Amino acid sequence: MLPSRNDTAGPREESGLHNDSLAPIPKAGRTWGWFGIFNIWANDIQSLFGYSLVASLFISYGVTGWTAFLALIVAGLVVMVLVDVSGKPGVDYGIPYPVLARASMGVAGARLPAVLRASVAVFWYGAQTYFASTALELLILTLSGTHGGETFLGLSAVGWTSFVLVWAIQIAIFSHGMDWVGTFLNVAGPFVYLVMIGLLIVLWQQSDGQLWSAAQTIFAPENPTFASEFNGFVAIVGTMVAYFAAVMINFSDFSRYAKSNRAMVLGNLAGLPANMVLFSALALLITAGAAVIYGEKITNPTEIVERADSALLSVLAAVTFFAATVGINLVANFIPAVNGIANMAPRVLDFKRAGWITSLFALVIGGFWVSFISQVGIAGFVNTLGATLAPLYGIMVVDYYLVKKQRLIVADLYSSSAQGAYAYDGGWNHRALVAFALAAVFSISAVWVESLSFLSGYAWLIGALIGGLIYRLLSPAPGAVRTAAASAS
């Protein structure tokens, strides 16, 4: 549905709810085609953790390779549909996630979902900055032929140098705005694939042509049954849905740059099921090649490179791991963190200032990751915050499609006026808050209650469904909403 002229009126900058990070992208500024959207997912998948996760799926769940591939395709399709749904408002109106949340939660209430998503993102931005620095450390050690030496707070001198350099490089990228971020993602995604293919060729040669036959047998379980295959299939789909859950809710942060809904849908199709199959196939073959050569199933690519004992391969791998980890950091963590922080005080926190705040938090989190943060169980708290995003997804989707009928008054999304369409009660939509609170009980329980652990990634989907259902039951009829919006405009 195309917005009317009143729907797309410009934001009211004097309200204090507008800045360069939150402003709607005009049609002329929406330049990403399908390839730009594809690279969002390419960078989200192509990380050290993503490789280890995918490679371990062929081992941990005891299923045949074909079952694992089918599960990955289905998971990719499920995630694709969910992000097509959550991303369309961004395409329609050019607005980021915190601003979209104002439609359902209220212009003040939107700070709640924004700060929840930003808190999770800031934490993992710091952690991933540390992980990316390990790739740069590997590169420095390989080129210099030295060892790490004495450590301080768990990091050697080379480790600290690498960490600060990665931190600074990320600052250099974001300080030039989203154009540089987009360019980095467009280069990093294809580059990772080129190096993975190069690593596969090296392993193929060293395995004396046994790699392909090994890939067909090495991950085959003994005496597979329909029950074991089905259970493994369900578990893999749930695991992969959980892996992409965080990006699902704030995908409008990226879809707002898409030229059209068609570009977004095609990019998601290529970037999720298709990309997942390609990446998984490479991970499977590389892991199989390592198993033939080294006699064990190695799911950590860093260990495979170390076993290869090749300076050239180590350099290429280190650069690749660095690019891949920085790529996912920008996609899954930096952008949602910056937009969420900018939404806390839009009048004073623009894109660069919010970026600096995110980076300073990352400096502390990443710097203390080895010696303290990874040891004290903070991840459980962060995962709890992440689980509460599920009900917010359901509330936002139901509000946009079923309550607002895909019609938003953009000017009122940036208005603090009590007569604005999204002022609700003092800027808070209490119906949405009640729906969130009730559904969040289940989402938090799914993290901490052992008897619910079997739900895995499905707990996120159920939490979203509960939140959306409760919100729909509490919301006024769509006709009443349209009447109110018309009178406000």
Protein backbone atom coordinates (compact mmCIF):
# COMPACT_ATOMS: atom_id res chain seq x y z
CA MET A 1 0.00 0.00 0.00
CA LEU A 2 1.41 3.37 -1.04
CA PRO A 3 1.36 6.08 1.64
CA SER A 4 -0.73 9.17 1.06
CA ARG A 5 0.80 12.64 0.90
CA ASN A 6 -0.13 13.29 4.54
CA ASP A 7 1.46 10.00 5.63
CA THR A 8 4.88 11.00 4.31
CA ALA A 9 5.09 14.55 5.61
CA GLY A 10 8.54 15.37 6.90
CA PRO A 11 9.55 14.93 10.54
CA ARG A 12 9.20 17.79 12.98
CA GLU A 13 12.77 18.55 14.01
CA GLU A 14 11.77 20.95 16.78
CA SER A 15 10.20 18.09 18.77
CA GLY A 16 13.54 16.72 19.93
CA LEU A 17 12.74 13.30 18.43
CA HIS A 18 14.76 13.72 15.25
CA ASN A 19 18.44 13.48 14.30
CA ASP A 20 20.57 12.23 11.42
CA SER A 21 20.50 8.66 12.75
CA LEU A 22 16.72 8.50 13.08
CA ALA A 23 15.50 10.69 10.21
CA PRO A 24 13.57 8.90 7.45
CA ILE A 25 15.64 8.16 4.36
CA PRO A 26 14.15 10.01 1.37
CA LYS A 27 13.35 8.01 -1.75
CA ALA A 28 16.40 9.41 -3.53
CA GLY A 29 18.63 8.14 -0.71
CA ARG A 30 17.38 4.56 -0.84
CA THR A 31 20.02 3.14 -3.15
CA TRP A 32 20.61 -0.44 -1.98
CA GLY A 33 19.70 -3.10 -4.52
CA TRP A 34 19.36 -6.80 -3.81
CA PHE A 35 23.15 -7.20 -3.57
CA GLY A 36 23.38 -4.71 -0.70
CA ILE A 37 20.71 -6.64 1.24
CA PHE A 38 22.41 -9.93 0.35
CA ASN A 39 25.65 -8.71 1.89
CA ILE A 40 23.89 -7.93 5.16
CA TRP A 41 23.27 -11.66 5.51
CA ALA A 42 26.60 -12.69 4.00
CA ASN A 43 28.38 -10.76 6.75
CA ASP A 44 25.96 -11.96 9.41
CA ILE A 45 26.66 -15.61 8.58
CA GLN A 46 30.35 -15.41 7.68
CA SER A 47 31.92 -15.09 11.10
CA LEU A 48 34.12 -17.41 13.12
CA PHE A 49 31.13 -18.30 15.29
CA GLY A 50 28.90 -18.74 12.25
CA TYR A 51 31.37 -21.17 10.66
CA SER A 52 31.79 -23.16 13.87
CA LEU A 53 28.02 -23.27 14.40
CA VAL A 54 27.24 -24.49 10.89
CA ALA A 55 30.08 -27.05 10.87
CA SER A 56 29.02 -28.41 14.24
CA LEU A 57 25.43 -28.92 13.05
CA PHE A 58 26.61 -31.80 10.88
CA ILE A 59 28.17 -33.42 13.94
CA SER A 60 26.21 -32.48 17.04
CA TYR A 61 22.71 -33.49 15.96
CA GLY A 62 23.60 -36.88 14.48
CA VAL A 63 21.81 -36.43 11.15
CA THR A 64 22.81 -37.12 7.58
CA GLY A 65 24.20 -34.29 5.50
CA TRP A 66 21.06 -34.07 3.37
CA THR A 67 18.86 -33.69 6.44
CA ALA A 68 21.12 -30.95 7.79
CA PHE A 69 21.05 -29.12 4.45
CA LEU A 70 17.26 -29.37 4.27
CA ALA A 71 16.99 -28.01 7.80
CA LEU A 72 19.27 -25.09 6.91
CA ILE A 73 17.14 -24.29 3.84
CA VAL A 74 13.93 -24.39 5.88
CA ALA A 75 15.51 -22.22 8.61
CA GLY A 76 16.65 -19.76 5.96
CA LEU A 77 13.13 -19.59 4.51
CA VAL A 78 11.57 -19.07 7.95
CA VAL A 79 13.98 -16.25 8.79
CA MET A 80 13.51 -14.78 5.31
CA VAL A 81 9.74 -14.53 5.79
CA LEU A 82 10.15 -12.98 9.24
CA VAL A 83 12.58 -10.31 8.04
CA ASP A 84 10.49 -9.61 4.93
CA VAL A 85 7.66 -8.86 7.33
CA SER A 86 9.67 -6.74 9.78
CA GLY A 87 11.64 -5.00 7.02
CA LYS A 88 8.73 -3.77 4.91
CA PRO A 89 7.96 -0.72 7.12
CA GLY A 90 11.54 0.39 6.58
CA VAL A 91 11.11 0.11 2.83
CA ASP A 92 7.71 1.85 2.89
CA TYR A 93 8.72 4.82 5.03
CA GLY A 94 12.53 4.84 5.25
CA ILE A 95 12.45 4.71 9.06
CA PRO A 96 14.77 2.78 11.43
CA TYR A 97 13.70 0.34 14.13
CA PRO A 98 13.49 2.80 17.07
CA VAL A 99 11.18 5.08 15.06
CA LEU A 100 9.04 2.18 13.86
CA ALA A 101 8.66 1.15 17.51
CA ARG A 102 7.10 4.57 18.24
CA ALA A 103 4.03 3.57 16.21
CA SER A 104 3.18 0.70 18.56
CA MET A 105 4.87 1.66 21.85
CA GLY A 106 4.44 5.45 21.71
CA VAL A 107 6.96 8.20 21.03
CA ALA A 108 8.27 7.88 24.59
CA GLY A 109 7.58 4.18 25.08
CA ALA A 110 9.76 3.32 22.09
CA ARG A 111 12.79 3.98 24.25
CA LEU A 112 12.12 0.64 25.98
CA PRO A 113 12.51 -1.64 22.91
CA ALA A 114 15.31 0.57 21.58
CA VAL A 115 17.36 0.39 24.78
CA LEU A 116 16.77 -3.37 25.12
CA ARG A 117 18.07 -3.99 21.60
CA ALA A 118 20.91 -1.50 22.09
CA SER A 119 22.00 -3.13 25.37
CA VAL A 120 22.33 -6.53 23.73
CA ALA A 121 24.08 -5.00 20.72
CA VAL A 122 26.58 -2.96 22.77
CA PHE A 123 27.57 -6.00 24.80
CA TRP A 124 28.22 -8.18 21.78
CA TYR A 125 29.84 -5.31 19.89
CA GLY A 126 32.52 -5.21 22.58
CA ALA A 127 32.86 -9.00 22.63
CA GLN A 128 33.10 -9.26 18.83
CA THR A 129 35.66 -6.45 18.78
CA TYR A 130 37.83 -8.65 20.97
CA PHE A 131 37.21 -11.71 18.75
CA ALA A 132 38.13 -9.72 15.64
CA SER A 133 41.34 -8.62 17.35
CA THR A 134 42.39 -12.27 17.74
CA ALA A 135 42.46 -12.52 13.93
CA LEU A 136 44.68 -9.45 13.69
CA GLU A 137 46.87 -10.86 16.47
CA LEU A 138 47.26 -14.07 14.46
CA LEU A 139 48.31 -12.00 11.45
CA ILE A 140 50.91 -10.01 13.42
CA LEU A 141 52.36 -13.10 15.05
CA THR A 142 52.54 -14.91 11.70
CA LEU A 143 54.33 -12.06 9.94
CA SER A 144 56.68 -11.26 12.81
CA GLY A 145 57.41 -14.83 13.87
CA THR A 146 57.16 -13.79 17.52
CA HIS A 147 55.06 -15.07 20.42
CA GLY A 148 52.59 -13.19 22.56
CA GLY A 149 54.75 -12.95 25.69
CA GLU A 150 53.59 -11.80 29.11
CA THR A 151 49.93 -10.94 29.56
CA PHE A 152 48.01 -8.15 31.29
CA LEU A 153 44.32 -8.72 31.99
CA GLY A 154 44.51 -11.82 29.83
CA LEU A 155 46.02 -10.13 26.76
CA SER A 156 49.62 -9.96 25.61
CA ALA A 157 51.22 -6.78 24.27
CA VAL A 158 50.42 -7.96 20.74
CA GLY A 159 46.88 -8.82 21.86
CA TRP A 160 46.32 -5.35 23.31
CA THR A 161 47.82 -3.71 20.22
CA SER A 162 45.53 -5.78 17.98
CA PHE A 163 42.48 -5.00 20.10
CA VAL A 164 43.06 -1.24 20.06
CA LEU A 165 43.75 -1.31 16.30
CA VAL A 166 40.50 -3.17 15.55
CA TRP A 167 38.62 -0.79 17.82
CA ALA A 168 40.13 2.18 15.96
CA ILE A 169 39.47 0.70 12.51
CA GLN A 170 35.79 0.25 13.34
CA ILE A 171 35.65 3.88 14.51
CA ALA A 172 37.21 4.97 11.21
CA ILE A 173 34.53 3.06 9.29
CA PHE A 174 31.51 4.41 11.20
CA SER A 175 32.89 7.97 11.39
CA HIS A 176 32.41 8.21 7.62
CA GLY A 177 28.74 7.26 7.91
CA MET A 178 26.60 4.50 6.46
CA ASP A 179 28.15 4.85 3.00
CA TRP A 180 31.44 3.46 4.31
CA VAL A 181 29.65 0.80 6.34
CA GLY A 182 27.77 -0.34 3.23
CA THR A 183 30.97 -0.34 1.14
CA PHE A 184 32.81 -2.42 3.74
CA LEU A 185 30.00 -4.97 3.84
CA ASN A 186 29.88 -5.20 0.04
CA VAL A 187 33.62 -5.96 -0.07
CA ALA A 188 33.87 -8.21 2.99
CA GLY A 189 31.08 -10.63 2.00
CA PRO A 190 32.46 -11.76 -1.39
CA PHE A 191 36.07 -11.64 -0.10
CA VAL A 192 35.31 -14.18 2.62
CA TYR A 193 33.87 -16.55 0.02
CA LEU A 194 36.95 -16.22 -2.18
CA VAL A 195 39.27 -17.15 0.69
CA MET A 196 37.04 -20.04 1.81
CA ILE A 197 37.16 -21.42 -1.72
CA GLY A 198 40.95 -20.99 -1.70
CA LEU A 199 41.21 -22.88 1.61
CA LEU A 200 39.01 -25.63 0.17
CA ILE A 201 41.31 -25.96 -2.86
CA VAL A 202 44.36 -26.28 -0.59
CA LEU A 203 42.66 -28.98 1.49
CA TRP A 204 41.47 -30.76 -1.66
CA GLN A 205 45.02 -30.98 -2.94
CA GLN A 206 46.43 -32.14 0.40
CA SER A 207 43.74 -34.81 0.77
CA ASP A 208 44.79 -36.49 -2.51
CA GLY A 209 41.29 -36.27 -3.92
CA GLN A 210 39.65 -38.00 -0.94
CA LEU A 211 37.82 -34.91 0.27
CA TRP A 212 34.60 -35.46 -1.71
CA SER A 213 34.19 -39.10 -0.73
CA ALA A 214 35.00 -38.22 2.88
CA ALA A 215 32.35 -35.50 2.91
CA GLN A 216 29.72 -38.07 1.92
CA THR A 217 30.60 -40.50 4.70
CA ILE A 218 32.41 -38.75 7.53
CA PHE A 219 29.30 -37.04 8.91
CA ALA A 220 26.91 -39.92 8.29
CA PRO A 221 25.49 -41.23 11.58
CA GLU A 222 25.36 -44.93 12.32
CA ASN A 223 21.94 -46.50 11.71
CA PRO A 224 19.94 -43.29 11.28
CA THR A 225 16.18 -43.61 11.89
CA PHE A 226 13.27 -41.45 10.87
CA ALA A 227 12.88 -40.30 14.49
CA SER A 228 16.54 -39.31 14.86
CA GLU A 229 16.52 -37.50 11.51
CA PHE A 230 13.28 -35.67 12.32
CA ASN A 231 14.41 -34.65 15.80
CA GLY A 232 17.74 -33.42 14.43
CA PHE A 233 15.95 -31.53 11.65
CA VAL A 234 13.69 -29.74 14.15
CA ALA A 235 16.62 -28.91 16.43
CA ILE A 236 18.74 -27.45 13.61
CA VAL A 237 15.91 -25.24 12.37
CA GLY A 238 15.36 -23.94 15.91
CA THR A 239 19.08 -23.32 16.43
CA MET A 240 19.40 -21.28 13.26
CA VAL A 241 16.25 -19.25 13.95
CA ALA A 242 17.69 -18.37 17.36
CA TYR A 243 20.99 -17.37 15.72
CA PHE A 244 19.28 -14.74 13.54
CA ALA A 245 16.68 -13.64 16.11
CA ALA A 246 18.29 -10.34 17.09
CA VAL A 247 18.53 -9.03 13.53
CA MET A 248 14.90 -9.96 12.79
CA ILE A 249 13.44 -7.28 15.02
CA ASN A 250 15.53 -4.35 13.81
CA PHE A 251 15.81 -5.25 10.12
CA SER A 252 14.17 -1.96 9.18
CA ASP A 253 17.51 -0.39 10.22
CA PHE A 254 18.80 -1.86 6.93
CA SER A 255 15.72 -2.23 4.73
CA ARG A 256 15.22 1.56 4.92
CA TYR A 257 18.14 1.84 2.45
CA ALA A 258 16.57 -0.58 -0.09
CA LYS A 259 15.38 0.78 -3.42
CA SER A 260 12.14 -1.18 -3.25
CA ASN A 261 10.38 -4.01 -1.48
CA ARG A 262 11.31 -6.25 -4.40
CA ALA A 263 15.01 -5.48 -3.88
CA MET A 264 14.68 -6.35 -0.20
CA VAL A 265 12.83 -9.60 -0.86
CA LEU A 266 15.30 -10.71 -3.55
CA GLY A 267 18.23 -9.78 -1.31
CA ASN A 268 16.77 -11.77 1.57
CA LEU A 269 16.13 -14.74 -0.71
CA ALA A 270 19.72 -14.73 -1.96
CA GLY A 271 21.18 -13.86 1.43
CA LEU A 272 19.36 -16.40 3.58
CA PRO A 273 18.37 -19.80 2.09
CA ALA A 274 20.71 -19.58 -0.91
CA ASN A 275 23.65 -18.05 0.96
CA MET A 276 23.18 -20.42 3.88
CA VAL A 277 23.39 -23.46 1.60
CA LEU A 278 26.55 -22.17 -0.13
CA PHE A 279 28.27 -21.25 3.12
CA SER A 280 27.23 -24.53 4.75
CA ALA A 281 28.49 -26.55 1.79
CA LEU A 282 31.89 -24.86 2.00
CA ALA A 283 31.99 -25.35 5.78
CA LEU A 284 31.12 -29.04 5.35
CA LEU A 285 33.76 -29.65 2.69
CA ILE A 286 36.46 -27.73 4.57
CA THR A 287 35.70 -29.62 7.78
CA ALA A 288 35.72 -32.91 5.84
CA GLY A 289 39.07 -32.03 4.25
CA ALA A 290 40.53 -31.24 7.66
CA ALA A 291 39.22 -34.57 8.97
CA VAL A 292 40.94 -36.47 6.15
CA ILE A 293 44.26 -34.66 6.62
CA TYR A 294 44.42 -34.32 10.39
CA GLY A 295 42.32 -37.30 11.44
CA GLU A 296 39.70 -35.41 13.44
CA LYS A 297 36.62 -33.29 12.87
CA ILE A 298 37.70 -29.69 13.48
CA THR A 299 34.92 -27.10 13.53
CA ASN A 300 37.11 -24.12 14.46
CA PRO A 301 38.59 -22.61 11.25
CA THR A 302 41.42 -20.97 13.21
CA GLU A 303 42.64 -24.39 14.33
CA ILE A 304 42.49 -25.69 10.75
CA VAL A 305 44.69 -22.82 9.58
CA GLU A 306 47.16 -23.40 12.43
CA ARG A 307 47.40 -27.10 11.50
CA ALA A 308 48.05 -26.20 7.86
CA ASP A 309 51.37 -24.59 8.88
CA SER A 310 51.36 -22.21 5.93
CA ALA A 311 52.39 -18.58 6.40
CA LEU A 312 50.50 -17.47 3.27
CA LEU A 313 47.35 -19.30 4.32
CA SER A 314 47.63 -17.91 7.84
CA VAL A 315 47.87 -14.36 6.49
CA LEU A 316 44.88 -14.82 4.17
CA ALA A 317 42.86 -16.52 6.90
CA ALA A 318 43.67 -13.83 9.46
CA VAL A 319 42.55 -11.09 7.06
CA THR A 320 39.42 -13.10 6.27
CA PHE A 321 38.52 -13.76 9.91
CA PHE A 322 39.06 -10.07 10.63
CA ALA A 323 36.83 -8.92 7.75
CA ALA A 324 34.13 -11.47 8.59
CA THR A 325 34.00 -10.64 12.30
CA VAL A 326 34.05 -6.87 11.77
CA GLY A 327 31.31 -7.38 9.15
CA ILE A 328 28.96 -9.17 11.53
CA ASN A 329 29.84 -6.66 14.25
CA LEU A 330 28.66 -3.78 12.09
CA VAL A 331 25.49 -5.59 11.00
CA ALA A 332 24.27 -7.30 14.16
CA ASN A 333 25.68 -4.99 16.80
CA PHE A 334 26.93 -1.54 15.81
CA ILE A 335 23.97 -0.23 13.79
CA PRO A 336 21.24 -1.29 16.27
CA ALA A 337 23.35 -0.02 19.17
CA VAL A 338 23.87 3.40 17.57
CA ASN A 339 20.23 3.84 16.56
CA GLY A 340 19.02 2.70 19.98
CA ILE A 341 21.35 5.06 21.84
CA ALA A 342 20.51 7.95 19.48
CA ASN A 343 16.84 7.39 20.29
CA MET A 344 17.46 7.95 24.02
CA ALA A 345 18.16 11.68 23.54
CA PRO A 346 17.76 12.50 19.83
CA ARG A 347 18.35 16.21 20.30
CA VAL A 348 21.93 15.73 21.53
CA LEU A 349 22.93 12.23 20.34
CA ASP A 350 23.46 12.08 16.59
CA PHE A 351 24.98 9.17 14.61
CA LYS A 352 28.61 9.98 15.43
CA ARG A 353 28.07 10.72 19.11
CA ALA A 354 26.04 7.54 19.57
CA GLY A 355 28.80 5.71 17.69
CA TRP A 356 31.42 7.03 20.07
CA ILE A 357 29.37 5.96 23.09
CA THR A 358 29.00 2.48 21.59
CA SER A 359 32.75 2.33 20.92
CA LEU A 360 33.68 3.43 24.45
CA PHE A 361 31.50 0.69 25.91
CA ALA A 362 33.14 -1.74 23.49
CA LEU A 363 36.59 -0.66 24.67
CA VAL A 364 35.67 -1.61 28.25
CA ILE A 365 33.76 -4.81 27.41
CA GLY A 366 36.32 -6.10 24.92
CA GLY A 367 39.29 -5.08 27.07
CA PHE A 368 37.98 -6.95 30.10
CA TRP A 369 36.48 -9.86 28.13
CA VAL A 370 39.19 -12.43 28.81
CA SER A 371 40.03 -11.52 32.39
CA PHE A 372 36.58 -10.80 33.79
CA ILE A 373 33.43 -10.47 31.68
CA SER A 374 33.52 -13.92 30.03
CA GLN A 375 34.04 -15.50 33.46
CA VAL A 376 31.15 -14.02 35.48
CA GLY A 377 28.06 -15.15 33.58
CA ILE A 378 27.02 -11.76 32.21
CA ALA A 379 26.08 -13.48 28.94
CA GLY A 380 23.08 -15.06 30.69
CA PHE A 381 21.79 -11.62 31.65
CA VAL A 382 22.31 -10.34 28.10
CA ASN A 383 20.55 -13.40 26.66
CA THR A 384 17.61 -12.61 28.95
CA LEU A 385 17.39 -9.11 27.51
CA GLY A 386 17.59 -10.60 24.03
CA ALA A 387 14.72 -12.99 24.79
CA THR A 388 12.47 -10.06 25.68
CA LEU A 389 12.84 -8.77 22.12
CA ALA A 390 10.59 -11.61 20.89
CA PRO A 391 7.33 -10.15 22.26
CA LEU A 392 8.31 -6.75 20.87
CA TYR A 393 8.66 -8.28 17.40
CA GLY A 394 5.13 -9.68 17.63
CA ILE A 395 3.70 -6.41 18.93
CA MET A 396 5.34 -4.29 16.23
CA VAL A 397 4.29 -6.62 13.40
CA VAL A 398 0.68 -6.91 14.59
CA ASP A 399 0.49 -3.16 15.08
CA TYR A 400 1.82 -2.33 11.62
CA TYR A 401 -0.13 -4.92 9.60
CA LEU A 402 -3.32 -5.57 11.57
CA VAL A 403 -3.89 -2.42 13.63
CA LYS A 404 -2.38 0.38 11.53
CA LYS A 405 -3.00 -1.44 8.22
CA GLN A 406 0.46 -0.35 6.96
CA ARG A 407 -0.48 3.31 7.21
CA LEU A 408 1.77 5.54 9.32
CA ILE A 409 1.86 9.32 9.73
CA VAL A 410 5.59 9.91 9.52
CA ALA A 411 5.46 13.47 10.89
CA ASP A 412 3.72 12.23 14.04
CA LEU A 413 6.41 9.60 14.61
CA TYR A 414 8.70 12.57 15.29
CA SER A 415 6.15 14.72 17.15
CA SER A 416 5.97 15.21 20.92
CA SER A 417 2.57 16.88 20.63
CA ALA A 418 -0.16 15.44 22.84
CA GLN A 419 -2.39 15.49 19.74
CA GLY A 420 0.00 13.31 17.75
CA ALA A 421 -1.22 9.95 16.49
CA TYR A 422 1.40 8.13 18.59
CA ALA A 423 1.24 10.21 21.77
CA TYR A 424 -1.11 7.69 23.42
CA ASP A 425 -0.97 8.36 27.18
CA GLY A 426 1.98 10.63 27.88
CA GLY A 427 3.87 9.06 24.99
CA TRP A 428 3.33 5.48 26.21
CA ASN A 429 0.95 2.89 24.73
CA HIS A 430 -0.16 1.01 27.83
CA ARG A 431 -1.80 -1.75 25.79
CA ALA A 432 1.54 -2.55 24.21
CA LEU A 433 3.27 -2.41 27.61
CA VAL A 434 0.80 -4.91 29.10
CA ALA A 435 1.21 -7.25 26.13
CA PHE A 436 4.98 -6.98 26.41
CA ALA A 437 5.05 -7.61 30.17
CA LEU A 438 2.82 -10.71 29.96
CA ALA A 439 4.65 -12.25 27.01
CA ALA A 440 8.06 -11.41 28.49
CA VAL A 441 7.28 -13.73 31.44
CA PHE A 442 7.35 -16.66 29.02
CA SER A 443 10.41 -15.38 27.14
CA ILE A 444 12.46 -14.93 30.31
CA SER A 445 11.31 -18.31 31.64
CA ALA A 446 12.51 -19.96 28.43
CA VAL A 447 16.04 -18.75 29.25
CA TRP A 448 16.17 -19.77 32.90
CA VAL A 449 13.68 -22.64 33.38
CA GLU A 450 15.41 -25.91 32.57
CA SER A 451 12.20 -27.70 31.58
CA LEU A 452 11.70 -25.19 28.74
CA SER A 453 15.20 -25.53 27.32
CA PHE A 454 14.00 -28.08 24.76
CA LEU A 455 12.21 -25.27 22.92
CA SER A 456 15.55 -23.82 21.76
CA GLY A 457 14.98 -21.18 19.06
CA TYR A 458 11.26 -21.91 18.98
CA ALA A 459 10.91 -20.11 22.31
CA TRP A 460 11.65 -16.87 20.41
CA LEU A 461 8.91 -17.58 17.87
CA ILE A 462 6.43 -18.51 20.61
CA GLY A 463 7.28 -15.37 22.57
CA ALA A 464 6.66 -13.26 19.46
CA LEU A 465 3.36 -15.03 18.84
CA ILE A 466 2.20 -14.53 22.44
CA GLY A 467 3.15 -10.85 22.42
CA GLY A 468 1.42 -10.21 19.10
CA LEU A 469 -1.72 -12.13 20.10
CA ILE A 470 -2.14 -10.35 23.44
CA TYR A 471 -1.56 -6.96 21.81
CA ARG A 472 -4.15 -7.68 19.12
CA LEU A 473 -6.73 -8.68 21.75
CA LEU A 474 -6.09 -5.48 23.72
CA SER A 475 -6.00 -3.13 20.73
CA PRO A 476 -8.99 -1.18 19.42
CA ALA A 477 -10.59 -2.14 16.14
CA PRO A 478 -8.59 -1.06 13.06
CA GLY A 479 -11.42 1.24 12.02
CA ALA A 480 -11.12 3.19 15.26
CA VAL A 481 -7.38 3.54 14.74
CA ARG A 482 -7.83 4.90 11.23
CA THR A 483 -10.41 7.39 12.45
CA ALA A 484 -8.08 8.61 15.19
CA ALA A 485 -5.19 8.91 12.76
CA ALA A 486 -7.32 10.87 10.31
CA SER A 487 -8.41 13.34 12.98
CA ALA A 488 -4.78 13.75 14.12
CA SER A 489 -3.63 14.61 10.63
